[in-house]
Every structure is written in C-alpha cells, then in structure tokens.
Amino acid sequence: MNALTVNLRSVLELTDEQFFQLCQANRDLRFERTATGELIIMPPTGGETGNRNARITQQVMNWTDADGTGIAFDSSTCFKLPNGADRSPDAAWIQLARWNALTEAEKEKFPPICPDFVIELLSPSDSLKVAQEKMKEYIENGVRLGFLINRKSRQVMIYRQGKEVEVLESPATVSGEEVLNGFVLNLAMIW
C-alpha cells in the first residue's frame, strides 16, 4: 500500500495545532504534511520493514545513550521543519544543546526543529523518487547527515550538507562521520 496524499487547501488549511490534534485523534494512522500543506497518510509497515526499522532505532538509541551528546527519536516522532513541513523520519538525532533550547511546550508537540541526522528505510511500497525528494528536503532544512537505505538494491545513499549524494553498494557498515562521531550503523541486521 502506498502513501496517500490529500490536498485539503482548497477547502481547509490546517493550523499547526489542528494538525497536531488530527494526529492525536487518529493514533492508528501516521500523518505527515508537506510544506505546501498537503496531508500525507502513511500506511503501516509490514513485518520485515518494521523489524528493520526497530533494529536501526535500537542502534541509534544505544549509541546515543553511550555518547550523551544528543537525543534520538524513533519513526513515530514528527518534526516541524523550517519550511513548514511536518516530517517523521524512521530514526533521527539532535544535538542536546539544540534540543534543550526548545521550550517544554515545543518538546511536547511536534518539535519545531530539524534533526541533525536522519535515517529513512525504503519499504517495498515506497517510491524511491519520493524518498529521495524527502531526503533533499531534510538537507535543505538543516539535516547535516542522512542515510536513505534501500534494502531491495542493497544501497545506502548518503546525504550531506553541500555535497553530492554518495551511493554505497552493499556496505557492511556506515559511519556517522563527524555528525555522530563514533556511531557505526551495522547493516548486517538490516539487509
């Protein structure tokens, strides 16, 4: 099942609070919102993708706990990006000082901050082109490092600020570079 995009702008423009309430009232659905206000209804993942997402989150969380310089998030967290989009990467990390600069109210809802690092795992029903556009949006809004993992082709696309996308073929690991200094994503559990 593919994501469903609904354009409500001709009849309704959701405020940030209304979008938050819509998400809270429909907890069995996962929503994102584009910078132009289109509502994206994300289908649930299948078992294989859900397991791989959990493995990714586990690795990011374990490193975050040991490192202590930031805070990590799973795929259920929605961030309000500077361009107005509301996005939920499969895994995300934010430097602790940036996170702590938010108010408690901002932390409780959809934090108005762009993560420093994101991972997106392409599920079998996802469009590669749409996922690549989403990764570019993350970079344009302040993500410093991002991984787009395509299990089917066994590729990892690495997105960095000011650089061309690097494509790795069947890597065993991928480094968090200077953004997540010392983090290494083990892909053996993901492939």
Protein backbone atom coordinates (compact mmCIF):
# COMPACT_ATOMS: atom_id res chain seq x y z
CA MET A 1 0.00 0.00 0.00
CA ASN A 2 1.37 3.40 -1.00
CA ALA A 3 1.11 6.62 0.96
CA LEU A 4 -1.98 8.65 0.17
CA THR A 5 -1.59 12.39 -0.41
CA VAL A 6 -4.64 14.59 0.14
CA ASN A 7 -4.79 18.26 -0.83
CA LEU A 8 -7.22 19.99 1.51
CA ARG A 9 -6.06 23.55 0.85
CA SER A 10 -8.99 24.44 -1.40
CA VAL A 11 -11.42 23.73 1.46
CA LEU A 12 -9.34 23.82 4.64
CA GLU A 13 -5.94 24.99 5.78
CA LEU A 14 -4.93 23.17 8.95
CA THR A 15 -3.12 25.17 11.58
CA ASP A 16 -0.23 23.51 13.40
CA GLU A 17 -2.49 22.94 16.40
CA GLN A 18 -5.26 21.42 14.23
CA PHE A 19 -2.74 19.14 12.53
CA PHE A 20 -1.43 18.03 15.94
CA GLN A 21 -5.00 17.36 17.15
CA LEU A 22 -5.80 15.42 13.96
CA CYS A 23 -2.79 13.19 14.60
CA GLN A 24 -3.75 12.72 18.27
CA ALA A 25 -7.35 11.83 17.38
CA ASN A 26 -6.20 9.24 14.82
CA ARG A 27 -3.36 7.45 16.58
CA ASP A 28 -3.74 4.36 14.39
CA LEU A 29 -2.76 6.44 11.36
CA ARG A 30 0.57 8.10 10.67
CA PHE A 31 0.42 11.53 9.06
CA GLU A 32 2.98 13.84 7.53
CA ARG A 33 2.35 17.22 5.95
CA THR A 34 4.22 18.82 3.06
CA ALA A 35 5.49 22.39 3.07
CA THR A 36 2.54 23.27 0.81
CA GLY A 37 0.01 21.82 3.27
CA GLU A 38 -0.80 18.51 1.57
CA LEU A 39 -1.69 15.81 4.06
CA ILE A 40 0.18 12.51 3.62
CA ILE A 41 -1.38 9.40 5.15
CA MET A 42 1.37 6.83 5.64
CA PRO A 43 0.46 3.14 5.57
CA PRO A 44 1.71 0.89 8.35
CA THR A 45 4.85 -1.08 7.55
CA GLY A 46 4.97 -4.81 7.08
CA GLY A 47 6.73 -7.12 9.50
CA GLU A 48 10.12 -7.20 7.75
CA THR A 49 10.33 -3.42 7.40
CA GLY A 50 9.07 -2.88 10.95
CA ASN A 51 11.75 -5.21 12.30
CA ARG A 52 14.49 -3.48 10.30
CA ASN A 53 13.25 -0.06 11.46
CA ALA A 54 13.42 -1.28 15.06
CA ARG A 55 16.97 -2.54 14.51
CA ILE A 56 18.00 0.86 13.13
CA THR A 57 16.38 2.70 16.03
CA GLN A 58 17.99 0.31 18.51
CA GLN A 59 21.46 1.03 17.13
CA VAL A 60 20.94 4.80 17.14
CA MET A 61 19.49 4.71 20.67
CA ASN A 62 22.30 2.53 22.03
CA TRP A 63 24.94 4.87 20.60
CA THR A 64 23.05 7.94 21.88
CA ASP A 65 22.88 6.50 25.40
CA ALA A 66 26.61 5.79 25.41
CA ASP A 67 27.63 9.08 23.76
CA GLY A 68 25.44 11.52 25.70
CA THR A 69 25.78 14.47 23.28
CA GLY A 70 22.30 14.27 21.80
CA ILE A 71 18.85 12.80 21.87
CA ALA A 72 17.45 10.16 19.50
CA PHE A 73 13.94 9.61 18.16
CA ASP A 74 12.02 6.78 16.51
CA SER A 75 9.71 6.87 13.50
CA SER A 76 6.68 7.97 15.49
CA THR A 77 8.19 11.43 16.12
CA CYS A 78 7.03 14.23 13.85
CA PHE A 79 9.21 17.34 13.44
CA LYS A 80 8.05 20.76 12.21
CA LEU A 81 10.74 21.69 9.67
CA PRO A 82 11.71 25.32 8.93
CA ASN A 83 9.92 25.17 5.54
CA GLY A 84 6.64 24.34 7.32
CA ALA A 85 6.57 20.61 6.52
CA ASP A 86 5.81 18.09 9.27
CA ARG A 87 8.01 15.02 8.76
CA SER A 88 8.68 11.75 10.60
CA PRO A 89 12.00 10.14 9.68
CA ASP A 90 12.47 6.48 10.57
CA ALA A 91 15.22 7.48 13.01
CA ALA A 92 16.54 10.90 13.99
CA TRP A 93 19.12 12.50 16.27
CA ILE A 94 19.50 16.07 17.54
CA GLN A 95 22.42 17.65 19.42
CA LEU A 96 21.50 18.02 23.08
CA ALA A 97 22.16 21.78 23.19
CA ARG A 98 19.78 22.37 20.26
CA TRP A 99 17.11 20.16 21.85
CA ASN A 100 17.49 21.86 25.23
CA ALA A 101 16.96 25.27 23.57
CA LEU A 102 13.33 24.29 22.87
CA THR A 103 10.62 25.07 25.39
CA GLU A 104 8.86 22.24 27.21
CA ALA A 105 5.70 23.01 25.20
CA GLU A 106 7.65 22.72 21.92
CA LYS A 107 9.12 19.38 23.01
CA GLU A 108 5.66 18.00 23.90
CA LYS A 109 4.06 18.53 20.49
CA PHE A 110 5.78 18.36 17.10
CA PRO A 111 9.14 19.96 17.87
CA PRO A 112 9.88 22.95 15.62
CA ILE A 113 13.40 21.78 14.83
CA CYS A 114 15.16 19.97 12.04
CA PRO A 115 17.18 16.97 13.20
CA ASP A 116 20.95 16.94 12.70
CA PHE A 117 20.80 13.34 11.47
CA VAL A 118 18.07 11.21 9.89
CA ILE A 119 17.64 7.72 8.51
CA GLU A 120 14.93 6.65 6.11
CA LEU A 121 14.42 2.95 5.30
CA LEU A 122 12.70 2.37 1.98
CA SER A 123 9.86 -0.11 2.40
CA PRO A 124 8.72 -2.26 -0.56
CA SER A 125 5.73 0.02 -1.18
CA ASP A 126 7.71 3.29 -1.01
CA SER A 127 8.64 5.26 -4.09
CA LEU A 128 12.40 5.74 -4.37
CA LYS A 129 11.89 9.10 -6.09
CA VAL A 130 9.60 10.37 -3.31
CA ALA A 131 12.06 9.16 -0.65
CA GLN A 132 14.95 10.92 -2.41
CA GLU A 133 12.93 14.15 -2.57
CA LYS A 134 12.20 13.82 1.14
CA MET A 135 15.91 13.39 1.87
CA LYS A 136 16.71 16.51 -0.17
CA GLU A 137 14.06 18.38 1.82
CA TYR A 138 15.72 17.29 5.06
CA ILE A 139 19.11 18.58 3.84
CA GLU A 140 17.59 21.88 2.64
CA ASN A 141 16.05 22.35 6.10
CA GLY A 142 19.23 21.72 8.10
CA VAL A 143 19.91 17.98 8.37
CA ARG A 144 23.69 17.61 8.36
CA LEU A 145 23.82 13.90 7.55
CA GLY A 146 21.19 11.48 6.28
CA PHE A 147 21.05 7.85 5.20
CA LEU A 148 18.46 6.52 2.75
CA ILE A 149 18.59 2.73 2.91
CA ASN A 150 17.21 0.69 0.02
CA ARG A 151 17.13 -2.97 1.10
CA LYS A 152 15.97 -4.21 -2.30
CA SER A 153 19.02 -2.85 -4.14
CA ARG A 154 21.27 -3.12 -1.05
CA GLN A 155 22.25 0.52 -1.43
CA VAL A 156 22.78 3.29 1.09
CA MET A 157 22.50 6.83 -0.22
CA ILE A 158 24.38 9.28 1.98
CA TYR A 159 23.15 12.87 2.04
CA ARG A 160 25.43 15.63 3.39
CA GLN A 161 25.21 19.41 3.53
CA GLY A 162 26.72 20.98 0.40
CA LYS A 163 27.79 17.69 -1.21
CA GLU A 164 26.57 15.35 -3.90
CA VAL A 165 24.71 12.23 -2.79
CA GLU A 166 27.09 9.30 -2.29
CA VAL A 167 25.75 5.83 -3.12
CA LEU A 168 27.30 2.81 -1.39
CA GLU A 169 26.73 -0.68 -2.78
CA SER A 170 26.11 -3.39 -0.15
CA PRO A 171 28.13 -1.80 2.66
CA ALA A 172 28.55 -3.81 5.85
CA THR A 173 28.55 -0.61 7.92
CA VAL A 174 28.04 3.13 7.52
CA SER A 175 29.71 5.75 9.69
CA GLY A 176 28.04 8.66 11.43
CA GLU A 177 31.09 10.72 10.42
CA GLU A 178 31.65 13.95 12.37
CA VAL A 179 27.93 14.44 12.99
CA LEU A 180 27.59 11.28 15.11
CA ASN A 181 31.25 10.85 15.98
CA GLY A 182 31.89 7.18 16.71
CA PHE A 183 28.50 5.90 15.51
CA VAL A 184 28.59 2.97 13.09
CA LEU A 185 25.37 1.55 11.67
CA ASN A 186 25.71 -2.22 11.29
CA LEU A 187 23.81 -3.13 8.14
CA ALA A 188 24.08 -6.90 8.59
CA MET A 189 20.89 -6.69 10.69
CA ILE A 190 19.20 -4.50 8.08
CA TRP A 191 19.82 -6.36 4.83
